[in-house]
Amino acid sequence: MSDKIKIGLLVIILGITSINTFQISNLELNSSGRIVETAPPQSNFDRSNNNQIKPKEVNSNPLVNEVAQGPVTTIFFKEEVKDFGNVNVNSKNNHSFEFINNGSEPLKISNAKGSCGCTVPEWPKEPIMPGQKGKIDVVYTPNKSQAGKPQQKTVTITANTQPVNTVLNIKAFVNPEN
């Protein structure tokens, strides 16, 4: 076989491999072990009503495509990101993420989980009725390994919303220790 044909076949094989890799990277397993296609990142704003910009009703992790069991509702967070700025190692940094149940069913938060042990959330255990407000209290306590570095942590809220997971973000720069 000539070198040009070999190179051409190699280019075709590499192209097909790249496409398959991209398609596989857009798949994940849901909690029941089924493969689901992940959605591309979406804007945090909705322009569907006469081109008026308004926040989307659900702050969601676009990579999670699970379906809630039972009646679903919607949750709207006043803010999705808290930037603490510069903080010290072992300092307690508190923030309350306020939300409203703007759906028609009671909101039931089943879990709130920080991305690491330094980010600890507290959430309402009782249902939040439609139109009622609530808050997720988060304490961020940076440790020595985070000193001198910018940090970004997440809190994943699991509830009877669609999608079931909503992700809140915490940012800070941890001052170097003296």
N, C-alpha and C. Protein backbone atom coordinates (compact mmCIF):
# COMPACT_ATOMS: atom_id res chain seq x y z
N MET A 1 0.85 -1.17 0.00
CA MET A 1 0.00 0.00 0.00
C MET A 1 0.89 1.23 0.00
N SER A 2 0.48 2.26 -0.71
CA SER A 2 1.31 3.47 -0.77
C SER A 2 1.19 4.26 0.53
N ASP A 3 2.18 5.09 0.79
CA ASP A 3 2.20 5.91 2.01
C ASP A 3 1.02 6.88 2.07
N LYS A 4 0.58 7.40 0.92
CA LYS A 4 -0.55 8.34 0.90
C LYS A 4 -1.83 7.65 1.35
N ILE A 5 -2.03 6.42 0.93
CA ILE A 5 -3.23 5.68 1.34
C ILE A 5 -3.18 5.37 2.82
N LYS A 6 -2.01 4.97 3.31
CA LYS A 6 -1.85 4.69 4.73
C LYS A 6 -2.14 5.93 5.57
N ILE A 7 -1.62 7.05 5.14
CA ILE A 7 -1.86 8.32 5.88
C ILE A 7 -3.34 8.68 5.83
N GLY A 8 -3.96 8.51 4.68
CA GLY A 8 -5.38 8.81 4.54
C GLY A 8 -6.23 7.94 5.46
N LEU A 9 -5.94 6.65 5.51
CA LEU A 9 -6.67 5.74 6.40
C LEU A 9 -6.43 6.11 7.86
N LEU A 10 -5.23 6.48 8.20
CA LEU A 10 -4.92 6.89 9.57
C LEU A 10 -5.71 8.13 9.97
N VAL A 11 -5.81 9.10 9.08
CA VAL A 11 -6.59 10.32 9.34
C VAL A 11 -8.07 9.97 9.55
N ILE A 12 -8.60 9.09 8.74
CA ILE A 12 -10.01 8.69 8.88
C ILE A 12 -10.23 7.98 10.22
N ILE A 13 -9.33 7.07 10.58
CA ILE A 13 -9.46 6.35 11.85
C ILE A 13 -9.38 7.33 13.03
N LEU A 14 -8.45 8.26 12.99
CA LEU A 14 -8.34 9.25 14.06
C LEU A 14 -9.60 10.12 14.15
N GLY A 15 -10.15 10.48 13.01
CA GLY A 15 -11.38 11.29 13.01
C GLY A 15 -12.55 10.54 13.64
N ILE A 16 -12.72 9.31 13.27
CA ILE A 16 -13.81 8.50 13.83
C ILE A 16 -13.61 8.30 15.33
N THR A 17 -12.38 8.04 15.74
CA THR A 17 -12.07 7.87 17.16
C THR A 17 -12.39 9.15 17.94
N SER A 18 -12.04 10.30 17.39
CA SER A 18 -12.34 11.57 18.06
C SER A 18 -13.83 11.80 18.22
N ILE A 19 -14.59 11.51 17.19
CA ILE A 19 -16.05 11.67 17.25
C ILE A 19 -16.64 10.74 18.29
N ASN A 20 -16.22 9.48 18.30
CA ASN A 20 -16.73 8.53 19.29
C ASN A 20 -16.36 8.94 20.71
N THR A 21 -15.15 9.43 20.91
CA THR A 21 -14.73 9.89 22.23
C THR A 21 -15.60 11.05 22.69
N PHE A 22 -15.89 11.99 21.80
CA PHE A 22 -16.74 13.13 22.14
C PHE A 22 -18.15 12.65 22.51
N GLN A 23 -18.70 11.72 21.74
CA GLN A 23 -20.04 11.22 22.03
C GLN A 23 -20.07 10.47 23.35
N ILE A 24 -19.06 9.69 23.66
CA ILE A 24 -19.00 8.96 24.91
C ILE A 24 -18.87 9.93 26.08
N SER A 25 -18.12 11.02 25.90
CA SER A 25 -17.95 11.98 26.99
C SER A 25 -19.25 12.70 27.34
N ASN A 26 -20.24 12.66 26.46
CA ASN A 26 -21.53 13.28 26.73
C ASN A 26 -22.54 12.29 27.31
N LEU A 27 -22.05 11.14 27.79
CA LEU A 27 -22.91 10.14 28.41
C LEU A 27 -22.47 9.94 29.85
N GLU A 28 -23.42 9.57 30.71
CA GLU A 28 -23.10 9.21 32.08
C GLU A 28 -24.16 8.25 32.59
N LEU A 29 -23.88 7.62 33.72
CA LEU A 29 -24.84 6.72 34.33
C LEU A 29 -25.66 7.48 35.35
N ASN A 30 -26.99 7.27 35.34
CA ASN A 30 -27.82 7.87 36.38
C ASN A 30 -27.83 6.94 37.59
N SER A 31 -28.59 7.31 38.62
CA SER A 31 -28.57 6.55 39.87
C SER A 31 -29.08 5.12 39.71
N SER A 32 -29.87 4.85 38.68
CA SER A 32 -30.36 3.49 38.49
C SER A 32 -29.47 2.70 37.53
N GLY A 33 -28.32 3.26 37.15
CA GLY A 33 -27.37 2.54 36.31
C GLY A 33 -27.65 2.62 34.83
N ARG A 34 -28.63 3.43 34.41
CA ARG A 34 -28.93 3.59 33.00
C ARG A 34 -28.08 4.70 32.40
N ILE A 35 -27.69 4.54 31.15
CA ILE A 35 -26.91 5.57 30.47
C ILE A 35 -27.85 6.68 30.05
N VAL A 36 -27.46 7.93 30.36
CA VAL A 36 -28.23 9.10 29.94
C VAL A 36 -27.28 10.07 29.25
N GLU A 37 -27.80 10.83 28.32
CA GLU A 37 -27.00 11.83 27.64
C GLU A 37 -27.04 13.11 28.46
N THR A 38 -25.86 13.69 28.66
CA THR A 38 -25.80 14.92 29.44
C THR A 38 -26.12 16.10 28.54
N ALA A 39 -26.68 17.13 29.15
CA ALA A 39 -27.05 18.32 28.40
C ALA A 39 -25.86 19.27 28.33
N PRO A 40 -25.77 20.08 27.28
CA PRO A 40 -24.69 21.07 27.22
C PRO A 40 -24.96 22.16 28.24
N PRO A 41 -23.92 22.89 28.68
CA PRO A 41 -24.14 23.98 29.63
C PRO A 41 -25.15 24.97 29.06
N GLN A 42 -25.98 25.50 29.95
CA GLN A 42 -27.02 26.43 29.54
C GLN A 42 -26.82 27.76 30.23
N SER A 43 -27.41 28.79 29.65
CA SER A 43 -27.35 30.11 30.24
C SER A 43 -28.18 30.15 31.52
N ASN A 44 -27.83 31.06 32.42
CA ASN A 44 -28.59 31.21 33.66
C ASN A 44 -29.79 32.14 33.48
N PHE A 45 -30.05 32.54 32.24
CA PHE A 45 -31.15 33.46 32.01
C PHE A 45 -32.10 32.92 30.96
N ASP A 46 -33.36 33.32 31.05
CA ASP A 46 -34.41 32.85 30.17
C ASP A 46 -34.92 34.05 29.37
N ARG A 47 -34.96 33.94 28.05
CA ARG A 47 -35.46 35.01 27.20
C ARG A 47 -36.75 34.60 26.48
N SER A 48 -37.43 33.58 27.00
CA SER A 48 -38.56 33.02 26.27
C SER A 48 -39.80 33.90 26.26
N ASN A 49 -39.91 34.87 27.17
CA ASN A 49 -41.12 35.69 27.27
C ASN A 49 -40.86 37.09 26.70
N ASN A 50 -41.17 37.29 25.40
CA ASN A 50 -41.01 38.58 24.74
C ASN A 50 -39.60 39.14 24.87
N ASN A 51 -38.60 38.25 24.86
CA ASN A 51 -37.20 38.63 24.91
C ASN A 51 -36.82 39.37 26.19
N GLN A 52 -37.65 39.29 27.23
CA GLN A 52 -37.29 39.87 28.51
C GLN A 52 -36.34 38.93 29.23
N ILE A 53 -35.27 39.48 29.76
CA ILE A 53 -34.30 38.64 30.46
C ILE A 53 -34.73 38.50 31.90
N LYS A 54 -34.83 37.25 32.35
CA LYS A 54 -35.15 36.97 33.75
C LYS A 54 -34.38 35.73 34.17
N PRO A 55 -34.08 35.59 35.46
CA PRO A 55 -33.36 34.38 35.89
C PRO A 55 -34.21 33.15 35.63
N LYS A 56 -33.53 32.06 35.29
CA LYS A 56 -34.25 30.80 35.13
C LYS A 56 -34.80 30.37 36.47
N GLU A 57 -35.87 29.63 36.45
CA GLU A 57 -36.53 29.22 37.69
C GLU A 57 -35.73 28.17 38.44
N VAL A 58 -34.96 27.36 37.74
CA VAL A 58 -34.24 26.28 38.40
C VAL A 58 -32.75 26.47 38.19
N ASN A 59 -32.02 26.55 39.28
CA ASN A 59 -30.57 26.56 39.21
C ASN A 59 -30.14 25.10 39.21
N SER A 60 -29.65 24.62 38.08
CA SER A 60 -29.38 23.19 38.01
C SER A 60 -28.00 22.90 37.49
N ASN A 61 -27.51 21.74 37.83
CA ASN A 61 -26.28 21.24 37.27
C ASN A 61 -26.62 20.68 35.90
N PRO A 62 -26.13 21.28 34.81
CA PRO A 62 -26.52 20.82 33.48
C PRO A 62 -26.01 19.43 33.15
N LEU A 63 -25.11 18.88 33.96
CA LEU A 63 -24.58 17.56 33.67
C LEU A 63 -25.40 16.44 34.29
N VAL A 64 -26.39 16.79 35.09
CA VAL A 64 -27.20 15.77 35.75
C VAL A 64 -28.56 15.74 35.07
N ASN A 65 -28.97 14.57 34.66
CA ASN A 65 -30.20 14.42 33.89
C ASN A 65 -31.15 13.43 34.55
N GLU A 66 -31.14 13.34 35.88
CA GLU A 66 -31.99 12.39 36.57
C GLU A 66 -33.42 12.91 36.62
N VAL A 67 -34.36 11.99 36.82
CA VAL A 67 -35.77 12.35 36.90
C VAL A 67 -36.22 12.19 38.34
N ALA A 68 -36.89 13.21 38.87
CA ALA A 68 -37.40 13.15 40.24
C ALA A 68 -38.57 12.18 40.32
N GLN A 69 -38.70 11.53 41.47
CA GLN A 69 -39.81 10.61 41.70
C GLN A 69 -40.97 11.39 42.34
N GLY A 70 -42.19 11.14 41.90
CA GLY A 70 -43.36 11.81 42.48
C GLY A 70 -43.54 13.22 41.92
N PRO A 71 -44.42 14.00 42.57
CA PRO A 71 -44.68 15.36 42.08
C PRO A 71 -43.43 16.24 42.18
N VAL A 72 -43.20 17.02 41.16
CA VAL A 72 -42.04 17.91 41.16
C VAL A 72 -42.48 19.37 41.29
N THR A 73 -41.54 20.18 41.73
CA THR A 73 -41.77 21.61 41.87
C THR A 73 -40.54 22.33 41.35
N THR A 74 -40.49 23.63 41.50
CA THR A 74 -39.31 24.39 41.05
C THR A 74 -38.77 25.20 42.21
N ILE A 75 -37.48 25.44 42.16
CA ILE A 75 -36.80 26.20 43.21
C ILE A 75 -36.03 27.32 42.53
N PHE A 76 -36.07 28.50 43.13
CA PHE A 76 -35.35 29.65 42.59
C PHE A 76 -34.46 30.22 43.68
N PHE A 77 -33.15 30.25 43.42
CA PHE A 77 -32.20 30.82 44.37
C PHE A 77 -31.95 32.29 44.04
N LYS A 78 -31.94 33.11 45.08
CA LYS A 78 -31.67 34.54 44.95
C LYS A 78 -30.28 34.74 44.33
N GLU A 79 -29.33 33.91 44.74
CA GLU A 79 -27.99 33.92 44.16
C GLU A 79 -27.48 32.49 44.12
N GLU A 80 -26.62 32.21 43.16
CA GLU A 80 -26.09 30.86 42.98
C GLU A 80 -24.62 30.76 43.35
N VAL A 81 -23.95 31.90 43.49
CA VAL A 81 -22.51 31.93 43.77
C VAL A 81 -22.25 32.89 44.92
N LYS A 82 -21.43 32.46 45.87
CA LYS A 82 -20.97 33.33 46.94
C LYS A 82 -19.45 33.39 46.86
N ASP A 83 -18.91 34.60 46.69
CA ASP A 83 -17.47 34.81 46.68
C ASP A 83 -17.09 35.45 48.01
N PHE A 84 -16.38 34.71 48.85
CA PHE A 84 -15.98 35.23 50.15
C PHE A 84 -14.78 36.17 50.05
N GLY A 85 -14.15 36.26 48.88
CA GLY A 85 -12.95 37.08 48.75
C GLY A 85 -11.79 36.40 49.45
N ASN A 86 -10.94 37.19 50.14
CA ASN A 86 -9.80 36.63 50.85
C ASN A 86 -10.23 36.15 52.23
N VAL A 87 -9.84 34.92 52.56
CA VAL A 87 -10.17 34.32 53.86
C VAL A 87 -8.92 33.68 54.44
N ASN A 88 -8.92 33.46 55.74
CA ASN A 88 -7.79 32.83 56.43
C ASN A 88 -8.05 31.34 56.64
N VAL A 89 -6.95 30.60 56.77
CA VAL A 89 -7.02 29.17 57.07
C VAL A 89 -7.77 29.00 58.40
N ASN A 90 -8.62 27.98 58.45
CA ASN A 90 -9.42 27.62 59.63
C ASN A 90 -10.46 28.67 60.04
N SER A 91 -10.68 29.71 59.23
CA SER A 91 -11.73 30.68 59.54
C SER A 91 -13.08 30.09 59.18
N LYS A 92 -14.11 30.45 59.94
CA LYS A 92 -15.48 30.00 59.67
C LYS A 92 -16.14 31.07 58.81
N ASN A 93 -16.49 30.72 57.59
CA ASN A 93 -17.11 31.64 56.64
C ASN A 93 -18.52 31.17 56.38
N ASN A 94 -19.50 31.93 56.88
CA ASN A 94 -20.91 31.54 56.83
C ASN A 94 -21.64 32.29 55.73
N HIS A 95 -22.54 31.59 55.08
CA HIS A 95 -23.41 32.24 54.10
C HIS A 95 -24.73 31.48 54.02
N SER A 96 -25.81 32.22 53.85
CA SER A 96 -27.14 31.63 53.65
C SER A 96 -27.58 31.86 52.21
N PHE A 97 -27.80 30.78 51.48
CA PHE A 97 -28.35 30.86 50.13
C PHE A 97 -29.87 30.83 50.28
N GLU A 98 -30.51 31.95 49.98
CA GLU A 98 -31.97 32.04 50.11
C GLU A 98 -32.64 31.55 48.84
N PHE A 99 -33.78 30.87 49.01
CA PHE A 99 -34.52 30.36 47.87
C PHE A 99 -36.01 30.48 48.13
N ILE A 100 -36.77 30.29 47.05
CA ILE A 100 -38.23 30.26 47.14
C ILE A 100 -38.73 29.05 46.35
N ASN A 101 -39.76 28.40 46.88
CA ASN A 101 -40.44 27.33 46.14
C ASN A 101 -41.45 28.06 45.25
N ASN A 102 -41.11 28.20 43.98
CA ASN A 102 -42.02 28.91 43.08
C ASN A 102 -42.80 27.95 42.19
N GLY A 103 -42.95 26.71 42.66
CA GLY A 103 -43.76 25.73 41.95
C GLY A 103 -45.10 25.56 42.62
N SER A 104 -45.80 24.50 42.27
CA SER A 104 -47.14 24.27 42.81
C SER A 104 -47.21 23.09 43.77
N GLU A 105 -46.09 22.45 44.07
CA GLU A 105 -46.02 21.31 44.98
C GLU A 105 -45.08 21.64 46.14
N PRO A 106 -45.25 20.99 47.29
CA PRO A 106 -44.30 21.20 48.38
C PRO A 106 -42.88 20.78 47.95
N LEU A 107 -41.90 21.60 48.30
CA LEU A 107 -40.50 21.32 47.99
C LEU A 107 -39.92 20.46 49.10
N LYS A 108 -39.37 19.33 48.73
CA LYS A 108 -38.77 18.40 49.71
C LYS A 108 -37.30 18.23 49.37
N ILE A 109 -36.45 18.82 50.19
CA ILE A 109 -35.00 18.69 49.99
C ILE A 109 -34.56 17.43 50.72
N SER A 110 -34.04 16.47 49.97
CA SER A 110 -33.63 15.21 50.59
C SER A 110 -32.16 15.20 50.99
N ASN A 111 -31.35 16.09 50.40
CA ASN A 111 -29.94 16.10 50.75
C ASN A 111 -29.30 17.40 50.28
N ALA A 112 -28.24 17.79 50.97
CA ALA A 112 -27.36 18.88 50.55
C ALA A 112 -25.96 18.42 50.89
N LYS A 113 -25.09 18.41 49.90
CA LYS A 113 -23.76 17.84 50.10
C LYS A 113 -22.69 18.77 49.57
N GLY A 114 -21.68 19.06 50.42
CA GLY A 114 -20.55 19.86 50.00
C GLY A 114 -19.57 19.02 49.20
N SER A 115 -18.79 19.68 48.34
CA SER A 115 -17.83 18.96 47.50
C SER A 115 -16.63 18.47 48.29
N CYS A 116 -16.45 18.99 49.50
CA CYS A 116 -15.38 18.49 50.37
C CYS A 116 -15.79 18.72 51.82
N GLY A 117 -15.00 18.19 52.74
CA GLY A 117 -15.32 18.31 54.16
C GLY A 117 -15.22 19.73 54.70
N CYS A 118 -14.61 20.64 53.94
CA CYS A 118 -14.47 22.02 54.39
C CYS A 118 -15.73 22.85 54.11
N THR A 119 -16.67 22.28 53.36
CA THR A 119 -17.90 22.98 52.98
C THR A 119 -19.07 22.18 53.53
N VAL A 120 -19.71 22.72 54.59
CA VAL A 120 -20.75 21.97 55.29
C VAL A 120 -22.08 22.72 55.18
N PRO A 121 -23.08 22.12 54.50
CA PRO A 121 -24.39 22.75 54.38
C PRO A 121 -25.39 22.24 55.43
N GLU A 122 -26.33 23.10 55.77
CA GLU A 122 -27.51 22.75 56.58
C GLU A 122 -28.72 23.14 55.76
N TRP A 123 -29.76 22.32 55.74
CA TRP A 123 -30.93 22.59 54.92
C TRP A 123 -32.20 22.27 55.70
N PRO A 124 -33.32 22.84 55.28
CA PRO A 124 -34.59 22.55 55.95
C PRO A 124 -35.00 21.10 55.71
N LYS A 125 -35.35 20.42 56.77
CA LYS A 125 -35.76 19.02 56.65
C LYS A 125 -37.27 18.89 56.39
N GLU A 126 -38.02 19.92 56.74
CA GLU A 126 -39.47 19.90 56.51
C GLU A 126 -39.78 20.45 55.12
N PRO A 127 -40.89 20.03 54.51
CA PRO A 127 -41.26 20.55 53.19
C PRO A 127 -41.48 22.06 53.21
N ILE A 128 -41.09 22.70 52.12
CA ILE A 128 -41.32 24.13 51.92
C ILE A 128 -42.52 24.26 50.99
N MET A 129 -43.56 24.88 51.48
CA MET A 129 -44.81 24.99 50.72
C MET A 129 -44.64 25.95 49.53
N PRO A 130 -45.48 25.81 48.50
CA PRO A 130 -45.43 26.71 47.34
C PRO A 130 -45.52 28.17 47.80
N GLY A 131 -44.64 29.00 47.23
CA GLY A 131 -44.61 30.43 47.56
C GLY A 131 -43.81 30.75 48.82
N GLN A 132 -43.40 29.74 49.57
CA GLN A 132 -42.65 29.98 50.81
C GLN A 132 -41.15 30.05 50.52
N LYS A 133 -40.44 30.72 51.43
CA LYS A 133 -38.99 30.88 51.30
C LYS A 133 -38.28 29.94 52.27
N GLY A 134 -37.02 29.68 51.97
CA GLY A 134 -36.16 28.89 52.83
C GLY A 134 -34.72 29.29 52.60
N LYS A 135 -33.80 28.62 53.28
CA LYS A 135 -32.39 28.93 53.09
C LYS A 135 -31.54 27.69 53.32
N ILE A 136 -30.43 27.68 52.63
CA ILE A 136 -29.40 26.67 52.81
C ILE A 136 -28.23 27.40 53.46
N ASP A 137 -27.92 27.06 54.71
CA ASP A 137 -26.80 27.67 55.42
C ASP A 137 -25.55 26.85 55.13
N VAL A 138 -24.47 27.54 54.73
CA VAL A 138 -23.22 26.88 54.40
C VAL A 138 -22.10 27.49 55.23
N VAL A 139 -21.25 26.63 55.79
CA VAL A 139 -20.05 27.08 56.49
C VAL A 139 -18.85 26.55 55.71
N TYR A 140 -18.00 27.48 55.26
CA TYR A 140 -16.78 27.11 54.54
C TYR A 140 -15.59 27.37 55.47
N THR A 141 -14.85 26.32 55.81
CA THR A 141 -13.70 26.41 56.70
C THR A 141 -12.48 25.89 55.95
N PRO A 142 -11.69 26.80 55.34
CA PRO A 142 -10.53 26.33 54.57
C PRO A 142 -9.45 25.72 55.46
N ASN A 143 -8.76 24.73 54.92
CA ASN A 143 -7.70 24.07 55.68
C ASN A 143 -6.33 24.49 55.16
N LYS A 144 -5.27 24.01 55.81
CA LYS A 144 -3.89 24.41 55.48
C LYS A 144 -3.52 24.08 54.04
N SER A 145 -4.04 22.99 53.51
CA SER A 145 -3.67 22.61 52.14
C SER A 145 -4.22 23.59 51.09
N GLN A 146 -5.17 24.42 51.50
CA GLN A 146 -5.76 25.38 50.57
C GLN A 146 -5.09 26.75 50.64
N ALA A 147 -4.14 26.92 51.58
CA ALA A 147 -3.49 28.22 51.79
C ALA A 147 -2.74 28.66 50.55
N GLY A 148 -2.89 29.95 50.23
CA GLY A 148 -2.19 30.55 49.10
C GLY A 148 -2.80 30.23 47.76
N LYS A 149 -4.03 29.69 47.74
CA LYS A 149 -4.64 29.26 46.48
C LYS A 149 -6.09 29.73 46.39
N PRO A 150 -6.54 30.01 45.16
CA PRO A 150 -7.98 30.27 44.98
C PRO A 150 -8.73 28.95 45.10
N GLN A 151 -9.93 29.00 45.67
CA GLN A 151 -10.74 27.80 45.88
C GLN A 151 -12.11 27.99 45.26
N GLN A 152 -12.65 26.92 44.73
CA GLN A 152 -14.03 26.90 44.27
C GLN A 152 -14.64 25.59 44.74
N LYS A 153 -15.66 25.68 45.57
CA LYS A 153 -16.35 24.53 46.13
C LYS A 153 -17.80 24.57 45.71
N THR A 154 -18.46 23.41 45.78
CA THR A 154 -19.87 23.35 45.41
C THR A 154 -20.68 22.72 46.53
N VAL A 155 -21.97 23.05 46.51
CA VAL A 155 -22.95 22.40 47.37
C VAL A 155 -24.04 21.90 46.43
N THR A 156 -24.27 20.59 46.44
CA THR A 156 -25.28 19.99 45.56
C THR A 156 -26.54 19.72 46.37
N ILE A 157 -27.64 20.35 45.95
CA ILE A 157 -28.94 20.21 46.60
C ILE A 157 -29.74 19.17 45.82
N THR A 158 -30.24 18.15 46.51
CA THR A 158 -31.08 17.12 45.89
C THR A 158 -32.50 17.30 46.41
N ALA A 159 -33.45 17.46 45.49
CA ALA A 159 -34.84 17.74 45.88
C ALA A 159 -35.79 17.20 44.82
N ASN A 160 -37.07 17.37 45.07
CA ASN A 160 -38.09 16.93 44.11
C ASN A 160 -38.30 18.01 43.05
N THR A 161 -37.21 18.33 42.36
CA THR A 161 -37.21 19.30 41.27
C THR A 161 -36.77 18.59 40.00
N GLN A 162 -36.91 19.25 38.88
CA GLN A 162 -36.45 18.69 37.63
C GLN A 162 -35.46 19.65 37.01
N PRO A 163 -34.16 19.31 36.93
CA PRO A 163 -33.53 18.08 37.38
C PRO A 163 -33.44 18.03 38.91
N VAL A 164 -33.14 16.87 39.43
CA VAL A 164 -33.18 16.67 40.88
C VAL A 164 -32.05 17.38 41.62
N ASN A 165 -30.94 17.66 40.94
CA ASN A 165 -29.81 18.31 41.60
C ASN A 165 -29.66 19.76 41.17
N THR A 166 -29.43 20.61 42.15
CA THR A 166 -29.14 22.03 41.95
C THR A 166 -27.79 22.29 42.58
N VAL A 167 -26.92 22.99 41.88
CA VAL A 167 -25.56 23.21 42.37
C VAL A 167 -25.34 24.69 42.70
N LEU A 168 -24.89 24.92 43.93
CA LEU A 168 -24.50 26.25 44.39
C LEU A 168 -22.98 26.29 44.45
N ASN A 169 -22.40 27.47 44.27
CA ASN A 169 -20.94 27.60 44.22
C ASN A 169 -20.42 28.55 45.29
N ILE A 170 -19.26 28.20 45.82
CA ILE A 170 -18.56 29.02 46.81
C ILE A 170 -17.16 29.28 46.27
N LYS A 171 -16.73 30.53 46.34
CA LYS A 171 -15.39 30.89 45.89
C LYS A 171 -14.68 31.64 47.01
N ALA A 172 -13.37 31.51 47.04
CA ALA A 172 -12.57 32.26 48.00
C ALA A 172 -11.11 32.14 47.61
N PHE A 173 -10.31 33.09 48.08
CA PHE A 173 -8.86 32.97 48.00
C PHE A 173 -8.39 32.80 49.44
N VAL A 174 -7.69 31.69 49.69
CA VAL A 174 -7.23 31.40 51.05
C VAL A 174 -5.86 32.03 51.22
N ASN A 175 -5.77 32.96 52.16
CA ASN A 175 -4.51 33.67 52.39
C ASN A 175 -3.41 32.71 52.81
N PRO A 176 -2.17 32.99 52.36
CA PRO A 176 -1.05 32.14 52.80
C PRO A 176 -0.85 32.29 54.31
N GLU A 177 -0.41 31.20 54.94
CA GLU A 177 -0.15 31.26 56.37
C GLU A 177 1.17 31.97 56.62
N ASN A 178 1.27 32.67 57.73
CA ASN A 178 2.52 33.37 58.07
C ASN A 178 3.45 32.49 58.84
